[in-house]
Amino acid sequence: MEQPSSPNSTRAYSSLKNRLPAGPRFWILLIVVVLAAVWIGRWMHHRSTHVFSDDARVDGEVIAIASRIPGWFIDLPII
């Protein structure tokens, strides 16, 4: 970018130049923020489109099985 020759425009150019972040810290911070946003976006997409069993609940009924006479099975002949 060319530097202007008049004093007023030189002052405007230097104030604009001072407002623009040009240091390496800014670019590193910008890259870190963009990478974090991409990672969080991918994590949220993966979390909302896949099923996880870590927080699963099972609904069922408990059925008691008992014989009509008391005692233990000793033998179960197959015919």
PDB file of N, CA and C in Angstrom:
ATOM      1  N   MET A   1       0.845  -1.168   0.000  1.00  0.00           N
ATOM      2  CA  MET A   1       0.000   0.000   0.000  1.00  0.00           C
ATOM      3  C   MET A   1       0.889   1.229   0.000  1.00  0.00           C
ATOM      4  N   GLU A   2       0.559   2.174  -0.859  1.00  0.00           N
ATOM      5  CA  GLU A   2       1.365   3.391  -0.952  1.00  0.00           C
ATOM      6  C   GLU A   2       1.063   4.324   0.203  1.00  0.00           C
ATOM      7  N   GLN A   3       2.093   4.992   0.663  1.00  0.00           N
ATOM      8  CA  GLN A   3       1.866   5.990   1.694  1.00  0.00           C
ATOM      9  C   GLN A   3       1.492   7.309   1.035  1.00  0.00           C
ATOM     10  N   PRO A   4       0.452   7.961   1.518  1.00  0.00           N
ATOM     11  CA  PRO A   4       0.029   9.237   0.931  1.00  0.00           C
ATOM     12  C   PRO A   4       1.067  10.331   1.195  1.00  0.00           C
ATOM     13  N   SER A   5       1.012  11.393   0.345  1.00  0.00           N
ATOM     14  CA  SER A   5       2.018  12.447   0.438  1.00  0.00           C
ATOM     15  C   SER A   5       1.564  13.645   1.266  1.00  0.00           C
ATOM     16  N   SER A   6       0.254  13.912   1.377  1.00  0.00           N
ATOM     17  CA  SER A   6      -0.188  15.078   2.135  1.00  0.00           C
ATOM     18  C   SER A   6      -0.139  14.802   3.633  1.00  0.00           C
ATOM     19  N   PRO A   7       0.043  15.840   4.478  1.00  0.00           N
ATOM     20  CA  PRO A   7       0.165  15.634   5.927  1.00  0.00           C
ATOM     21  C   PRO A   7      -1.103  15.068   6.551  1.00  0.00           C
ATOM     22  N   ASN A   8      -2.279  15.510   6.117  1.00  0.00           N
ATOM     23  CA  ASN A   8      -3.530  14.989   6.689  1.00  0.00           C
ATOM     24  C   ASN A   8      -3.721  13.517   6.363  1.00  0.00           C
ATOM     25  N   SER A   9      -3.466  13.157   5.140  1.00  0.00           N
ATOM     26  CA  SER A   9      -3.630  11.760   4.767  1.00  0.00           C
ATOM     27  C   SER A   9      -2.544  10.895   5.399  1.00  0.00           C
ATOM     28  N   THR A  10      -1.365  11.455   5.637  1.00  0.00           N
ATOM     29  CA  THR A  10      -0.309  10.707   6.317  1.00  0.00           C
ATOM     30  C   THR A  10      -0.727  10.396   7.750  1.00  0.00           C
ATOM     31  N   ARG A  11      -1.348  11.372   8.412  1.00  0.00           N
ATOM     32  CA  ARG A  11      -1.824  11.166   9.773  1.00  0.00           C
ATOM     33  C   ARG A  11      -2.927  10.099   9.793  1.00  0.00           C
ATOM     34  N   ALA A  12      -3.847  10.146   8.822  1.00  0.00           N
ATOM     35  CA  ALA A  12      -4.928   9.159   8.752  1.00  0.00           C
ATOM     36  C   ALA A  12      -4.362   7.762   8.480  1.00  0.00           C
ATOM     37  N   TYR A  13      -3.372   7.687   7.603  1.00  0.00           N
ATOM     38  CA  TYR A  13      -2.754   6.405   7.286  1.00  0.00           C
ATOM     39  C   TYR A  13      -2.054   5.819   8.507  1.00  0.00           C
ATOM     40  N   SER A  14      -1.333   6.637   9.256  1.00  0.00           N
ATOM     41  CA  SER A  14      -0.612   6.123  10.406  1.00  0.00           C
ATOM     42  C   SER A  14      -1.575   5.709  11.517  1.00  0.00           C
ATOM     43  N   SER A  15      -2.703   6.422  11.685  1.00  0.00           N
ATOM     44  CA  SER A  15      -3.663   6.005  12.716  1.00  0.00           C
ATOM     45  C   SER A  15      -4.356   4.714  12.301  1.00  0.00           C
ATOM     46  N   LEU A  16      -4.626   4.533  11.006  1.00  0.00           N
ATOM     47  CA  LEU A  16      -5.210   3.278  10.527  1.00  0.00           C
ATOM     48  C   LEU A  16      -4.207   2.148  10.681  1.00  0.00           C
ATOM     49  N   LYS A  17      -2.958   2.434  10.411  1.00  0.00           N
ATOM     50  CA  LYS A  17      -1.905   1.426  10.544  1.00  0.00           C
ATOM     51  C   LYS A  17      -1.764   0.984  12.002  1.00  0.00           C
ATOM     52  N   ASN A  18      -1.905   1.904  12.937  1.00  0.00           N
ATOM     53  CA  ASN A  18      -1.788   1.572  14.348  1.00  0.00           C
ATOM     54  C   ASN A  18      -2.985   0.774  14.853  1.00  0.00           C
ATOM     55  N   ARG A  19      -4.133   0.885  14.207  1.00  0.00           N
ATOM     56  CA  ARG A  19      -5.321   0.158  14.643  1.00  0.00           C
ATOM     57  C   ARG A  19      -5.326  -1.292  14.172  1.00  0.00           C
ATOM     58  N   LEU A  20      -4.664  -1.593  13.092  1.00  0.00           N
ATOM     59  CA  LEU A  20      -4.660  -2.948  12.559  1.00  0.00           C
ATOM     60  C   LEU A  20      -3.695  -3.827  13.356  1.00  0.00           C
ATOM     61  N   PRO A  21      -4.160  -4.970  13.841  1.00  0.00           N
ATOM     62  CA  PRO A  21      -3.254  -5.873  14.549  1.00  0.00           C
ATOM     63  C   PRO A  21      -2.339  -6.586  13.558  1.00  0.00           C
ATOM     64  N   ALA A  22      -1.058  -6.439  13.730  1.00  0.00           N
ATOM     65  CA  ALA A  22      -0.128  -7.035  12.774  1.00  0.00           C
ATOM     66  C   ALA A  22       0.918  -7.913  13.450  1.00  0.00           C
ATOM     67  N   GLY A  23       0.890  -8.007  14.757  1.00  0.00           N
ATOM     68  CA  GLY A  23       1.913  -8.770  15.464  1.00  0.00           C
ATOM     69  C   GLY A  23       1.667 -10.267  15.381  1.00  0.00           C
ATOM     70  N   PRO A  24       2.690 -11.046  15.640  1.00  0.00           N
ATOM     71  CA  PRO A  24       2.543 -12.505  15.592  1.00  0.00           C
ATOM     72  C   PRO A  24       1.624 -13.039  16.690  1.00  0.00           C
ATOM     73  N   ARG A  25       1.538 -12.319  17.822  1.00  0.00           N
ATOM     74  CA  ARG A  25       0.631 -12.777  18.885  1.00  0.00           C
ATOM     75  C   ARG A  25      -0.819 -12.776  18.403  1.00  0.00           C
ATOM     76  N   PHE A  26      -1.209 -11.774  17.645  1.00  0.00           N
ATOM     77  CA  PHE A  26      -2.568 -11.709  17.112  1.00  0.00           C
ATOM     78  C   PHE A  26      -2.852 -12.895  16.200  1.00  0.00           C
ATOM     79  N   TRP A  27      -1.936 -13.197  15.302  1.00  0.00           N
ATOM     80  CA  TRP A  27      -2.170 -14.286  14.346  1.00  0.00           C
ATOM     81  C   TRP A  27      -2.189 -15.648  15.046  1.00  0.00           C
ATOM     82  N   ILE A  28      -1.338 -15.824  16.043  1.00  0.00           N
ATOM     83  CA  ILE A  28      -1.350 -17.086  16.801  1.00  0.00           C
ATOM     84  C   ILE A  28      -2.660 -17.227  17.553  1.00  0.00           C
ATOM     85  N   LEU A  29      -3.112 -16.151  18.188  1.00  0.00           N
ATOM     86  CA  LEU A  29      -4.385 -16.183  18.903  1.00  0.00           C
ATOM     87  C   LEU A  29      -5.547 -16.441  17.946  1.00  0.00           C
ATOM     88  N   LEU A  30      -5.516 -15.818  16.782  1.00  0.00           N
ATOM     89  CA  LEU A  30      -6.570 -16.029  15.785  1.00  0.00           C
ATOM     90  C   LEU A  30      -6.602 -17.483  15.319  1.00  0.00           C
ATOM     91  N   ILE A  31      -5.453 -18.069  15.079  1.00  0.00           N
ATOM     92  CA  ILE A  31      -5.384 -19.470  14.648  1.00  0.00           C
ATOM     93  C   ILE A  31      -5.896 -20.388  15.748  1.00  0.00           C
ATOM     94  N   VAL A  32      -5.530 -20.120  16.995  1.00  0.00           N
ATOM     95  CA  VAL A  32      -5.997 -20.945  18.109  1.00  0.00           C
ATOM     96  C   VAL A  32      -7.507 -20.848  18.250  1.00  0.00           C
ATOM     97  N   VAL A  33      -8.070 -19.658  18.126  1.00  0.00           N
ATOM     98  CA  VAL A  33      -9.520 -19.478  18.241  1.00  0.00           C
ATOM     99  C   VAL A  33     -10.241 -20.194  17.107  1.00  0.00           C
ATOM    100  N   VAL A  34      -9.736 -20.091  15.896  1.00  0.00           N
ATOM    101  CA  VAL A  34     -10.370 -20.766  14.756  1.00  0.00           C
ATOM    102  C   VAL A  34     -10.298 -22.283  14.925  1.00  0.00           C
ATOM    103  N   LEU A  35      -9.153 -22.806  15.337  1.00  0.00           N
ATOM    104  CA  LEU A  35      -9.023 -24.251  15.543  1.00  0.00           C
ATOM    105  C   LEU A  35      -9.949 -24.734  16.661  1.00  0.00           C
ATOM    106  N   ALA A  36     -10.066 -23.963  17.730  1.00  0.00           N
ATOM    107  CA  ALA A  36     -10.971 -24.339  18.827  1.00  0.00           C
ATOM    108  C   ALA A  36     -12.422 -24.344  18.347  1.00  0.00           C
ATOM    109  N   ALA A  37     -12.809 -23.362  17.543  1.00  0.00           N
ATOM    110  CA  ALA A  37     -14.178 -23.306  17.018  1.00  0.00           C
ATOM    111  C   ALA A  37     -14.462 -24.491  16.101  1.00  0.00           C
ATOM    112  N   VAL A  38     -13.497 -24.857  15.274  1.00  0.00           N
ATOM    113  CA  VAL A  38     -13.680 -26.012  14.389  1.00  0.00           C
ATOM    114  C   VAL A  38     -13.786 -27.291  15.209  1.00  0.00           C
ATOM    115  N   TRP A  39     -12.931 -27.454  16.206  1.00  0.00           N
ATOM    116  CA  TRP A  39     -12.970 -28.659  17.040  1.00  0.00           C
ATOM    117  C   TRP A  39     -14.288 -28.766  17.800  1.00  0.00           C
ATOM    118  N   ILE A  40     -14.757 -27.681  18.379  1.00  0.00           N
ATOM    119  CA  ILE A  40     -16.026 -27.695  19.113  1.00  0.00           C
ATOM    120  C   ILE A  40     -17.182 -27.985  18.174  1.00  0.00           C
ATOM    121  N   GLY A  41     -17.158 -27.433  16.979  1.00  0.00           N
ATOM    122  CA  GLY A  41     -18.205 -27.709  15.995  1.00  0.00           C
ATOM    123  C   GLY A  41     -18.243 -29.169  15.583  1.00  0.00           C
ATOM    124  N   ARG A  42     -17.075 -29.750  15.334  1.00  0.00           N
ATOM    125  CA  ARG A  42     -17.027 -31.170  14.966  1.00  0.00           C
ATOM    126  C   ARG A  42     -17.479 -32.058  16.125  1.00  0.00           C
ATOM    127  N   TRP A  43     -17.080 -31.697  17.359  1.00  0.00           N
ATOM    128  CA  TRP A  43     -17.484 -32.469  18.528  1.00  0.00           C
ATOM    129  C   TRP A  43     -19.001 -32.416  18.724  1.00  0.00           C
ATOM    130  N   MET A  44     -19.585 -31.232  18.574  1.00  0.00           N
ATOM    131  CA  MET A  44     -21.041 -31.104  18.732  1.00  0.00           C
ATOM    132  C   MET A  44     -21.781 -31.882  17.643  1.00  0.00           C
ATOM    133  N   HIS A  45     -21.285 -31.830  16.412  1.00  0.00           N
ATOM    134  CA  HIS A  45     -21.916 -32.580  15.328  1.00  0.00           C
ATOM    135  C   HIS A  45     -21.833 -34.079  15.599  1.00  0.00           C
ATOM    136  N   HIS A  46     -20.662 -34.556  16.018  1.00  0.00           N
ATOM    137  CA  HIS A  46     -20.485 -35.977  16.304  1.00  0.00           C
ATOM    138  C   HIS A  46     -21.367 -36.403  17.465  1.00  0.00           C
ATOM    139  N   ARG A  47     -21.452 -35.569  18.493  1.00  0.00           N
ATOM    140  CA  ARG A  47     -22.254 -35.887  19.675  1.00  0.00           C
ATOM    141  C   ARG A  47     -23.745 -35.946  19.344  1.00  0.00           C
ATOM    142  N   SER A  48     -24.199 -35.121  18.413  1.00  0.00           N
ATOM    143  CA  SER A  48     -25.626 -35.096  18.085  1.00  0.00           C
ATOM    144  C   SER A  48     -26.021 -36.121  17.030  1.00  0.00           C
ATOM    145  N   THR A  49     -25.071 -36.727  16.336  1.00  0.00           N
ATOM    146  CA  THR A  49     -25.414 -37.684  15.287  1.00  0.00           C
ATOM    147  C   THR A  49     -25.060 -39.126  15.630  1.00  0.00           C
ATOM    148  N   HIS A  50     -24.441 -39.378  16.768  1.00  0.00           N
ATOM    149  CA  HIS A  50     -24.069 -40.732  17.156  1.00  0.00           C
ATOM    150  C   HIS A  50     -24.716 -41.092  18.492  1.00  0.00           C
ATOM    151  N   VAL A  51     -24.943 -42.387  18.692  1.00  0.00           N
ATOM    152  CA  VAL A  51     -25.541 -42.873  19.923  1.00  0.00           C
ATOM    153  C   VAL A  51     -24.419 -43.321  20.850  1.00  0.00           C
ATOM    154  N   PHE A  52     -24.494 -42.890  22.097  1.00  0.00           N
ATOM    155  CA  PHE A  52     -23.513 -43.275  23.101  1.00  0.00           C
ATOM    156  C   PHE A  52     -24.202 -44.110  24.161  1.00  0.00           C
ATOM    157  N   SER A  53     -23.543 -45.148  24.626  1.00  0.00           N
ATOM    158  CA  SER A  53     -24.149 -46.015  25.631  1.00  0.00           C
ATOM    159  C   SER A  53     -23.735 -45.637  27.046  1.00  0.00           C
ATOM    160  N   ASP A  54     -22.972 -44.594  27.205  1.00  0.00           N
ATOM    161  CA  ASP A  54     -22.543 -44.180  28.539  1.00  0.00           C
ATOM    162  C   ASP A  54     -23.706 -43.702  29.400  1.00  0.00           C
ATOM    163  N   ASP A  55     -24.708 -43.117  28.771  1.00  0.00           N
ATOM    164  CA  ASP A  55     -25.829 -42.577  29.523  1.00  0.00           C
ATOM    165  C   ASP A  55     -27.150 -43.258  29.145  1.00  0.00           C
ATOM    166  N   ALA A  56     -27.097 -44.558  28.849  1.00  0.00           N
ATOM    167  CA  ALA A  56     -28.285 -45.285  28.411  1.00  0.00           C
ATOM    168  C   ALA A  56     -29.128 -45.722  29.601  1.00  0.00           C
ATOM    169  N   ARG A  57     -30.429 -45.806  29.378  1.00  0.00           N
ATOM    170  CA  ARG A  57     -31.372 -46.304  30.372  1.00  0.00           C
ATOM    171  C   ARG A  57     -32.137 -47.463  29.753  1.00  0.00           C
ATOM    172  N   VAL A  58     -32.445 -48.466  30.569  1.00  0.00           N
ATOM    173  CA  VAL A  58     -33.169 -49.633  30.088  1.00  0.00           C
ATOM    174  C   VAL A  58     -34.490 -49.707  30.838  1.00  0.00           C
ATOM    175  N   ASP A  59     -35.561 -49.857  30.081  1.00  0.00           N
ATOM    176  CA  ASP A  59     -36.879 -49.984  30.686  1.00  0.00           C
ATOM    177  C   ASP A  59     -37.338 -51.416  30.478  1.00  0.00           C
ATOM    178  N   GLY A  60     -37.785 -52.067  31.523  1.00  0.00           N
ATOM    179  CA  GLY A  60     -38.226 -53.454  31.415  1.00  0.00           C
ATOM    180  C   GLY A  60     -39.123 -53.841  32.578  1.00  0.00           C
ATOM    181  N   GLU A  61     -39.574 -55.071  32.544  1.00  0.00           N
ATOM    182  CA  GLU A  61     -40.430 -55.597  33.604  1.00  0.00           C
ATOM    183  C   GLU A  61     -39.730 -56.780  34.262  1.00  0.00           C
ATOM    184  N   VAL A  62     -39.921 -56.930  35.542  1.00  0.00           N
ATOM    185  CA  VAL A  62     -39.355 -58.052  36.281  1.00  0.00           C
ATOM    186  C   VAL A  62     -40.445 -59.106  36.414  1.00  0.00           C
ATOM    187  N   ILE A  63     -40.150 -60.310  35.945  1.00  0.00           N
ATOM    188  CA  ILE A  63     -41.113 -61.409  36.016  1.00  0.00           C
ATOM    189  C   ILE A  63     -40.521 -62.489  36.911  1.00  0.00           C
ATOM    190  N   ALA A  64     -41.257 -62.855  37.926  1.00  0.00           N
ATOM    191  CA  ALA A  64     -40.807 -63.909  38.840  1.00  0.00           C
ATOM    192  C   ALA A  64     -41.280 -65.260  38.304  1.00  0.00           C
ATOM    193  N   ILE A  65     -40.370 -66.203  38.242  1.00  0.00           N
ATOM    194  CA  ILE A  65     -40.703 -67.555  37.785  1.00  0.00           C
ATOM    195  C   ILE A  65     -40.595 -68.479  38.994  1.00  0.00           C
ATOM    196  N   ALA A  66     -41.681 -69.198  39.284  1.00  0.00           N
ATOM    197  CA  ALA A  66     -41.695 -70.102  40.438  1.00  0.00           C
ATOM    198  C   ALA A  66     -42.495 -71.345  40.082  1.00  0.00           C
ATOM    199  N   SER A  67     -42.128 -72.452  40.706  1.00  0.00           N
ATOM    200  CA  SER A  67     -42.871 -73.693  40.474  1.00  0.00           C
ATOM    201  C   SER A  67     -44.088 -73.747  41.396  1.00  0.00           C
ATOM    202  N   ARG A  68     -44.990 -74.659  41.089  1.00  0.00           N
ATOM    203  CA  ARG A  68     -46.205 -74.767  41.901  1.00  0.00           C
ATOM    204  C   ARG A  68     -45.973 -75.587  43.168  1.00  0.00           C
ATOM    205  N   ILE A  69     -44.940 -76.387  43.157  1.00  0.00           N
ATOM    206  CA  ILE A  69     -44.623 -77.172  44.363  1.00  0.00           C
ATOM    207  C   ILE A  69     -43.237 -76.776  44.859  1.00  0.00           C
ATOM    208  N   PRO A  70     -43.030 -76.807  46.146  1.00  0.00           N
ATOM    209  CA  PRO A  70     -41.713 -76.418  46.658  1.00  0.00           C
ATOM    210  C   PRO A  70     -40.679 -77.511  46.409  1.00  0.00           C
ATOM    211  N   GLY A  71     -39.425 -77.104  46.304  1.00  0.00           N
ATOM    212  CA  GLY A  71     -38.352 -78.062  46.153  1.00  0.00           C
ATOM    213  C   GLY A  71     -37.393 -77.659  45.047  1.00  0.00           C
ATOM    214  N   TRP A  72     -36.361 -78.512  44.852  1.00  0.00           N
ATOM    215  CA  TRP A  72     -35.336 -78.279  43.843  1.00  0.00           C
ATOM    216  C   TRP A  72     -35.476 -79.292  42.724  1.00  0.00           C
ATOM    217  N   PHE A  73     -35.086 -78.870  41.503  1.00  0.00           N
ATOM    218  CA  PHE A  73     -35.016 -79.828  40.404  1.00  0.00           C
ATOM    219  C   PHE A  73     -33.800 -80.688  40.598  1.00  0.00           C
ATOM    220  N   ILE A  74     -33.983 -81.984  40.522  1.00  0.00           N
ATOM    221  CA  ILE A  74     -32.850 -82.894  40.614  1.00  0.00           C
ATOM    222  C   ILE A  74     -32.531 -83.459  39.242  1.00  0.00           C
ATOM    223  N   ASP A  75     -33.582 -83.770  38.484  1.00  0.00           N
ATOM    224  CA  ASP A  75     -33.385 -84.376  37.165  1.00  0.00           C
ATOM    225  C   ASP A  75     -34.469 -83.838  36.249  1.00  0.00           C
ATOM    226  N   LEU A  76     -34.115 -83.626  35.003  1.00  0.00           N
ATOM    227  CA  LEU A  76     -35.078 -83.157  34.018  1.00  0.00           C
ATOM    228  C   LEU A  76     -34.990 -84.103  32.803  1.00  0.00           C
ATOM    229  N   PRO A  77     -35.778 -85.151  32.830  1.00  0.00           N
ATOM    230  CA  PRO A  77     -35.713 -86.111  31.726  1.00  0.00           C
ATOM    231  C   PRO A  77     -36.302 -85.515  30.441  1.00  0.00           C
ATOM    232  N   ILE A  78     -35.617 -85.756  29.349  1.00  0.00           N
ATOM    233  CA  ILE A  78     -36.083 -85.309  28.033  1.00  0.00           C
ATOM    234  C   ILE A  78     -36.671 -86.495  27.308  1.00  0.00           C
ATOM    235  N   ILE A  79     -37.885 -86.342  26.816  1.00  0.00           N
ATOM    236  CA  ILE A  79     -38.587 -87.459  26.179  1.00  0.00           C
ATOM    237  C   ILE A  79     -38.243 -87.576  24.716  1.00  0.00           C
TER     238      ILE A  79
END
